[in-house]
Structure formats: C-alpha cells, structure tokens
Amino acid sequence: GACRISVARPKTVTEDPAASQSRLRVATKYPTIARRHFASRAINAEIVHLNGAMELAPTLDLASVIVDLVDTGSTLRANGLMETETIAHVTSRLIVNRVALKTRPEEIGLLIERFRAALSEEAAAK
C-alpha cells in the first residue's frame, strides 16, 4: 500500500499557478495536509474540501490545482493533469487491537491472511 500525496495541475497551464496567482484555490480531500504544505511555502491557498473525483475540480473551475493521493498517475493523466510536486510518501499499515487479537484470533487471522494474499497477487502481477 505505498503511494504519495501530491500536487497536480492541468497540463495546459504552462506556468506554476502557485507562482502566478496571489490566491491559489486548491481542491482536496486532505485539507489539513494541503493547508500546511502551502503555508510552509508562504502561499496563500484557499482550500476547497471535496470528496469524490478530485481530478475534475480544475476542469469544472473549482480550483487551480488539486492535492490528492497518487499511485501510478494514470488517473491524473487520463484527466489532463500532471503531478507537479510530491508532498509526502504514504504507506498503509494494519493495526490490530491487542484485546481483539486475543478475543477474536480466528477472525483477525483470516483478515490478515486476506491482506497477505492480496499483496502476493499484486506483487505477482508486477
């Protein structure tokens, strides 16, 4: 479960919107991460908190850029966007409550095995 959280903008925009606009509109499912990222770069960002197909926000003129999770980048490319910077690398972790592990070991064991099988299938496909 490795991916990254990145900033993306339309391919048709030739210059960085963050450098050319006094107020940048950013669409994201992750407003705290986006706000901190742009604040650390001294960019005045208006965060538009959206759920769903984030890639459509620039096309619908809801935002100049998006901040979203990216794995391969194919969804961005399919929507005419390009990744401009990586904010952070992200990995998934399975955390199990110790009491649940002791009281429901069969259920949790099955869940862990399903995750392992899915990861094995993914690795074999690559």
Protein backbone atom coordinates (compact mmCIF):
# COMPACT_ATOMS: atom_id res chain seq x y z
CA GLY A 1 0.00 0.00 0.00
CA ALA A 2 2.59 2.61 -0.98
CA CYS A 3 1.65 5.82 -2.75
CA ARG A 4 2.24 9.55 -2.38
CA ILE A 5 0.24 12.67 -1.71
CA SER A 6 0.93 15.16 -4.47
CA VAL A 7 0.01 18.47 -6.02
CA ALA A 8 -1.27 18.30 -9.60
CA ARG A 9 -2.35 20.90 -12.14
CA PRO A 10 -3.77 20.87 -15.68
CA LYS A 11 -1.21 20.08 -18.39
CA THR A 12 -2.50 23.05 -20.38
CA VAL A 13 -1.30 25.50 -17.71
CA THR A 14 2.25 26.41 -18.70
CA GLU A 15 3.37 28.14 -15.50
CA ASP A 16 3.01 27.15 -11.88
CA PRO A 17 -0.29 28.61 -10.57
CA ALA A 18 1.27 28.99 -7.12
CA ALA A 19 3.84 31.39 -8.56
CA SER A 20 1.47 33.35 -10.78
CA GLN A 21 -1.62 33.84 -8.60
CA SER A 22 -1.98 35.88 -5.43
CA ARG A 23 -4.56 33.42 -4.08
CA LEU A 24 -4.40 29.77 -5.07
CA ARG A 25 -7.55 27.62 -4.97
CA VAL A 26 -6.73 24.03 -4.00
CA ALA A 27 -9.23 21.17 -4.14
CA THR A 28 -8.50 18.24 -1.84
CA LYS A 29 -9.86 15.51 0.41
CA TYR A 30 -6.97 16.30 2.76
CA PRO A 31 -7.41 19.96 3.82
CA THR A 32 -5.03 19.91 6.78
CA ILE A 33 -2.16 18.45 4.76
CA ALA A 34 -2.78 20.87 1.88
CA ARG A 35 -3.08 23.90 4.19
CA ARG A 36 0.17 23.05 5.99
CA HIS A 37 2.02 22.39 2.74
CA PHE A 38 1.12 25.68 1.10
CA ALA A 39 1.56 27.66 4.33
CA SER A 40 5.09 26.27 4.66
CA ARG A 41 5.80 27.67 1.18
CA ALA A 42 4.21 31.04 2.08
CA ILE A 43 1.45 30.55 -0.49
CA ASN A 44 -1.96 31.99 0.26
CA ALA A 45 -4.14 28.96 -0.52
CA GLU A 46 -7.91 28.77 -0.38
CA ILE A 47 -8.68 25.14 0.40
CA VAL A 48 -11.79 23.66 -1.21
CA HIS A 49 -12.65 20.47 0.66
CA LEU A 50 -14.15 17.99 -1.80
CA ASN A 51 -14.92 14.28 -1.81
CA GLY A 52 -15.11 12.20 -4.94
CA ALA A 53 -13.39 12.65 -8.27
CA MET A 54 -10.83 15.29 -7.29
CA GLU A 55 -9.37 15.27 -10.80
CA LEU A 56 -12.44 17.07 -12.15
CA ALA A 57 -12.02 20.16 -9.95
CA PRO A 58 -9.72 22.09 -12.35
CA THR A 59 -11.92 21.20 -15.34
CA LEU A 60 -15.01 22.47 -13.51
CA ASP A 61 -13.08 25.62 -12.49
CA LEU A 62 -13.45 24.79 -8.79
CA ALA A 63 -9.70 25.01 -8.21
CA SER A 64 -6.40 25.71 -9.97
CA VAL A 65 -4.65 22.67 -8.51
CA ILE A 66 -5.51 19.55 -6.56
CA VAL A 67 -3.84 17.71 -3.70
CA ASP A 68 -4.59 14.00 -3.79
CA LEU A 69 -3.18 10.52 -3.36
CA VAL A 70 -1.28 9.26 -6.41
CA ASP A 71 -0.13 5.73 -7.10
CA THR A 72 0.73 5.37 -10.79
CA GLY A 73 -0.50 8.76 -12.00
CA SER A 74 -2.71 7.20 -14.68
CA THR A 75 -5.89 8.84 -13.34
CA LEU A 76 -4.18 12.23 -13.39
CA ARG A 77 -3.02 11.72 -16.99
CA ALA A 78 -6.47 10.49 -18.05
CA ASN A 79 -7.92 13.76 -16.75
CA GLY A 80 -5.34 16.04 -18.35
CA LEU A 81 -3.41 16.70 -15.14
CA MET A 82 0.27 16.47 -14.33
CA GLU A 83 1.93 15.93 -10.97
CA THR A 84 4.00 18.97 -10.05
CA GLU A 85 5.33 18.05 -6.62
CA THR A 86 5.21 15.32 -4.02
CA ILE A 87 4.18 16.43 -0.55
CA ALA A 88 4.80 13.10 1.20
CA HIS A 89 5.17 9.39 0.60
CA VAL A 90 2.39 7.34 2.17
CA THR A 91 2.16 3.69 3.18
CA SER A 92 -0.68 1.66 4.66
CA ARG A 93 -0.43 -0.15 7.95
CA LEU A 94 -2.70 -2.70 9.60
CA ILE A 95 -3.09 -2.02 13.31
CA VAL A 96 -4.79 -4.61 15.48
CA ASN A 97 -6.13 -4.00 18.94
CA ARG A 98 -4.37 -6.37 21.36
CA VAL A 99 -7.59 -7.33 23.14
CA ALA A 100 -9.34 -8.10 19.85
CA LEU A 101 -6.35 -10.17 18.75
CA LYS A 102 -6.71 -12.28 21.92
CA THR A 103 -10.50 -12.50 21.94
CA ARG A 104 -11.10 -12.92 18.18
CA PRO A 105 -7.92 -14.51 16.82
CA GLU A 106 -9.65 -16.54 14.07
CA GLU A 107 -11.45 -13.55 12.55
CA ILE A 108 -8.40 -11.32 12.69
CA GLY A 109 -6.16 -14.11 11.41
CA LEU A 110 -8.45 -14.56 8.38
CA LEU A 111 -8.39 -10.83 7.72
CA ILE A 112 -4.59 -10.74 7.89
CA GLU A 113 -4.36 -13.71 5.51
CA ARG A 114 -6.68 -11.96 3.04
CA PHE A 115 -4.40 -8.91 3.10
CA ARG A 116 -1.32 -11.10 2.59
CA ALA A 117 -2.98 -12.90 -0.33
CA ALA A 118 -3.95 -9.61 -1.97
CA LEU A 119 -0.40 -8.29 -1.59
CA SER A 120 1.03 -11.51 -3.03
CA GLU A 121 -1.31 -11.26 -6.04
CA GLU A 122 -0.29 -7.63 -6.58
CA ALA A 123 3.41 -8.49 -6.37
CA ALA A 124 2.97 -11.37 -8.81
CA ALA A 125 1.15 -9.09 -11.28
CA LYS A 126 4.09 -6.66 -11.33
